[in-house]
Amino acid sequence: MVGQAGSGIGRMKDLMKESGLAEPEFHTDGMFTICLSRPISSGKSSGKSSGKSSGKTVEIILNAMETDPKITVKELQDKTGLSRRGVGTTSIN
């Protein structure tokens, strides 16, 4: 059973390598922790998003916040086409 539980780590490493992502970092200080990395897009986006592509919406929100750290939710709504709730619940995973 332990062998089966540990087999996910190898699959995870293989999938990350296939996707061109950095290998996961394993930490055993106190608790066993795995840190996963992915590249952060540095491309600038503007305009409205239909919300169909949450990755694009997240990029728009992050770029807007980077450009203007005091941007309001209303301004983010205008840029993304999302509702107030949609802006507040957009996940940056």
Protein backbone atom coordinates (compact mmCIF):
# COMPACT_ATOMS: atom_id res chain seq x y z
CA MET A 1 0.00 0.00 0.00
CA VAL A 2 2.84 2.42 0.79
CA GLY A 3 4.32 1.75 -2.65
CA GLN A 4 1.06 2.77 -4.29
CA ALA A 5 0.83 5.92 -2.21
CA GLY A 6 4.33 7.00 -3.20
CA SER A 7 3.86 6.30 -6.90
CA GLY A 8 2.09 9.62 -7.40
CA ILE A 9 5.33 11.50 -6.77
CA GLY A 10 7.01 9.88 -9.77
CA ARG A 11 3.99 10.55 -11.99
CA MET A 12 3.88 14.15 -10.82
CA LYS A 13 7.57 14.64 -11.61
CA ASP A 14 7.15 13.07 -15.05
CA LEU A 15 4.11 15.19 -15.93
CA MET A 16 5.80 18.39 -14.80
CA LYS A 17 8.87 17.55 -16.88
CA GLU A 18 6.68 16.81 -19.94
CA SER A 19 4.97 20.18 -19.47
CA GLY A 20 8.29 22.00 -19.29
CA LEU A 21 7.79 22.97 -15.66
CA ALA A 22 10.41 23.02 -12.93
CA GLU A 23 10.79 19.84 -10.93
CA PRO A 24 8.88 19.90 -7.63
CA GLU A 25 10.83 20.75 -4.48
CA PHE A 26 10.45 18.41 -1.52
CA HIS A 27 10.87 19.70 2.03
CA THR A 28 10.84 17.56 5.14
CA ASP A 29 11.35 20.23 7.82
CA GLY A 30 8.70 19.17 10.33
CA MET A 31 6.01 18.34 7.78
CA PHE A 32 6.43 16.80 4.36
CA THR A 33 5.79 19.58 1.84
CA ILE A 34 5.96 19.70 -1.95
CA CYS A 35 6.46 23.07 -3.68
CA LEU A 36 5.27 23.26 -7.27
CA SER A 37 6.37 26.09 -9.56
CA ARG A 38 5.00 27.40 -12.79
CA PRO A 39 6.14 30.30 -14.94
CA ILE A 40 4.48 33.67 -14.47
CA SER A 41 3.46 35.29 -17.71
CA SER A 42 5.07 38.68 -18.16
CA GLY A 43 3.01 39.56 -21.24
CA LYS A 44 0.85 42.64 -20.96
CA SER A 45 -2.86 42.32 -21.62
CA SER A 46 -5.63 44.83 -21.80
CA GLY A 47 -9.23 44.91 -22.81
CA LYS A 48 -12.22 42.88 -21.80
CA SER A 49 -12.40 39.16 -21.33
CA SER A 50 -15.56 37.14 -21.67
CA GLY A 51 -14.53 35.15 -18.61
CA LYS A 52 -14.46 31.95 -20.70
CA SER A 53 -10.71 31.70 -20.25
CA SER A 54 -10.02 32.09 -16.55
CA GLY A 55 -6.26 32.08 -17.20
CA LYS A 56 -6.65 35.12 -19.44
CA THR A 57 -8.90 36.80 -16.88
CA VAL A 58 -6.37 36.20 -14.11
CA GLU A 59 -3.65 37.64 -16.35
CA ILE A 60 -5.74 40.76 -17.01
CA ILE A 61 -6.40 41.23 -13.29
CA LEU A 62 -2.75 40.71 -12.32
CA ASN A 63 -1.49 43.08 -15.01
CA ALA A 64 -4.02 45.73 -14.00
CA MET A 65 -3.04 45.42 -10.33
CA GLU A 66 0.65 45.57 -11.22
CA THR A 67 0.09 48.73 -13.29
CA ASP A 68 -2.14 50.37 -10.67
CA PRO A 69 -1.89 48.84 -7.16
CA LYS A 70 -4.83 51.04 -6.04
CA ILE A 71 -7.17 49.82 -8.79
CA THR A 72 -10.77 49.42 -7.66
CA VAL A 73 -13.02 46.39 -8.02
CA LYS A 74 -15.24 48.49 -10.33
CA GLU A 75 -12.28 49.18 -12.62
CA LEU A 76 -11.42 45.46 -12.62
CA GLN A 77 -15.04 44.70 -13.51
CA ASP A 78 -14.79 47.09 -16.47
CA LYS A 79 -11.53 45.51 -17.66
CA THR A 80 -12.68 41.89 -17.36
CA GLY A 81 -16.42 42.03 -17.94
CA LEU A 82 -16.92 40.09 -14.69
CA SER A 83 -19.39 40.88 -11.94
CA ARG A 84 -18.16 42.21 -8.60
CA ARG A 85 -18.44 38.70 -7.22
CA GLY A 86 -16.63 37.28 -10.26
CA VAL A 87 -13.68 39.61 -9.69
CA GLY A 88 -13.58 38.70 -5.99
CA THR A 89 -13.64 34.97 -6.57
CA THR A 90 -11.18 34.74 -9.46
CA SER A 91 -8.64 32.11 -8.45
CA ILE A 92 -4.92 32.68 -8.91
CA ASN A 93 -3.67 29.12 -8.64
